[in-house]
Amino acid sequence: DDIPNDFVERSIAAGATEIHLKYDTCTSDRIQRIHAAGLRSMAWLRGPIGMKDDVTSKYFDVGNEDETMYDVLLRSGVQSICGNRP
């Protein structure tokens, strides 16, 4: 993935109070680093609208969100999820 090693420090320098990570980059280590810095965390999942190219060539899980996917994210320690299914 393209997340720099100093992503927490960069976020703090920018005045952030929380960090939003794409769902497939939410590792327990990253989430722990976010929380240790006193920031909140959120995982976001790609939405299906306007994503025809992504769905056919990049992100085959778009539209396949389910409780298992949410459970894996929550186990990483992330505090909230921005999903596409209520």
Protein backbone atom coordinates (compact mmCIF):
# COMPACT_ATOMS: atom_id res chain seq x y z
CA ASP A 1 0.00 0.00 0.00
CA ASP A 2 1.01 3.64 -0.32
CA ILE A 3 0.72 4.71 3.30
CA PRO A 4 3.94 6.42 4.44
CA ASN A 5 5.57 5.19 7.64
CA ASP A 6 5.12 8.61 9.22
CA PHE A 7 1.40 8.90 8.40
CA VAL A 8 0.47 9.56 12.03
CA GLU A 9 3.05 12.32 12.41
CA ARG A 10 1.94 13.91 9.13
CA SER A 11 -1.67 13.82 10.26
CA ILE A 12 -0.84 15.49 13.57
CA ALA A 13 1.22 18.14 11.77
CA ALA A 14 -1.79 18.87 9.56
CA GLY A 15 -3.99 19.33 12.64
CA ALA A 16 -6.01 16.15 12.18
CA THR A 17 -8.03 14.69 15.04
CA GLU A 18 -8.74 11.41 13.28
CA ILE A 19 -7.33 9.27 10.50
CA HIS A 20 -9.45 7.52 7.88
CA LEU A 21 -7.89 4.49 6.22
CA LYS A 22 -9.13 2.47 3.28
CA TYR A 23 -10.50 -0.78 4.64
CA ASP A 24 -7.75 -2.99 3.27
CA THR A 25 -5.03 -0.94 4.96
CA CYS A 26 -6.47 -1.18 8.50
CA THR A 27 -3.92 -3.30 10.28
CA SER A 28 -3.94 -3.64 14.05
CA ASP A 29 -0.50 -2.01 14.16
CA ARG A 30 -1.65 1.06 12.25
CA ILE A 31 -4.80 1.43 14.31
CA GLN A 32 -2.82 1.10 17.56
CA ARG A 33 -0.41 3.81 16.38
CA ILE A 34 -3.33 6.11 15.58
CA HIS A 35 -4.91 5.61 19.00
CA ALA A 36 -1.58 5.88 20.85
CA ALA A 37 -1.23 9.36 19.32
CA GLY A 38 -4.63 10.32 20.73
CA LEU A 39 -6.39 10.29 17.36
CA ARG A 40 -9.60 8.58 16.33
CA SER A 41 -9.76 6.01 13.52
CA MET A 42 -12.18 5.16 10.73
CA ALA A 43 -12.15 2.59 7.95
CA TRP A 44 -13.86 3.47 4.68
CA LEU A 45 -15.08 1.10 2.03
CA ARG A 46 -15.26 1.96 -1.63
CA GLY A 47 -18.72 2.85 -2.89
CA PRO A 48 -20.33 1.30 -5.94
CA ILE A 49 -21.54 4.53 -7.59
CA GLY A 50 -19.29 5.63 -10.46
CA MET A 51 -16.96 2.70 -9.92
CA LYS A 52 -17.58 0.61 -13.04
CA ASP A 53 -13.86 0.45 -13.87
CA ASP A 54 -12.87 -0.34 -10.30
CA VAL A 55 -15.45 -3.09 -9.98
CA THR A 56 -14.32 -4.81 -13.17
CA SER A 57 -10.56 -4.48 -12.78
CA LYS A 58 -9.41 -3.41 -9.32
CA TYR A 59 -11.70 -3.85 -6.33
CA PHE A 60 -13.66 -7.04 -6.83
CA ASP A 61 -15.14 -6.84 -3.34
CA VAL A 62 -17.09 -3.62 -4.03
CA GLY A 63 -20.72 -4.39 -3.40
CA ASN A 64 -19.87 -7.51 -1.41
CA GLU A 65 -19.79 -5.92 2.01
CA ASP A 66 -21.11 -8.19 4.71
CA GLU A 67 -20.92 -8.75 8.44
CA THR A 68 -17.71 -10.76 8.08
CA MET A 69 -15.94 -7.84 6.41
CA TYR A 70 -17.16 -5.46 9.12
CA ASP A 71 -16.10 -7.89 11.85
CA VAL A 72 -12.56 -8.12 10.46
CA LEU A 73 -12.33 -4.32 10.45
CA LEU A 74 -13.61 -4.02 14.00
CA ARG A 75 -11.09 -6.62 15.16
CA SER A 76 -8.33 -4.33 13.87
CA GLY A 77 -9.45 -1.88 16.55
CA VAL A 78 -10.87 0.74 14.19
CA GLN A 79 -13.45 2.91 15.95
CA SER A 80 -15.86 3.47 13.09
CA ILE A 81 -16.66 2.24 9.59
CA CYS A 82 -17.93 4.25 6.64
CA GLY A 83 -19.71 1.56 4.65
CA ASN A 84 -22.18 1.33 1.84
CA ARG A 85 -24.79 -0.89 3.49
CA PRO A 86 -26.75 0.06 6.56
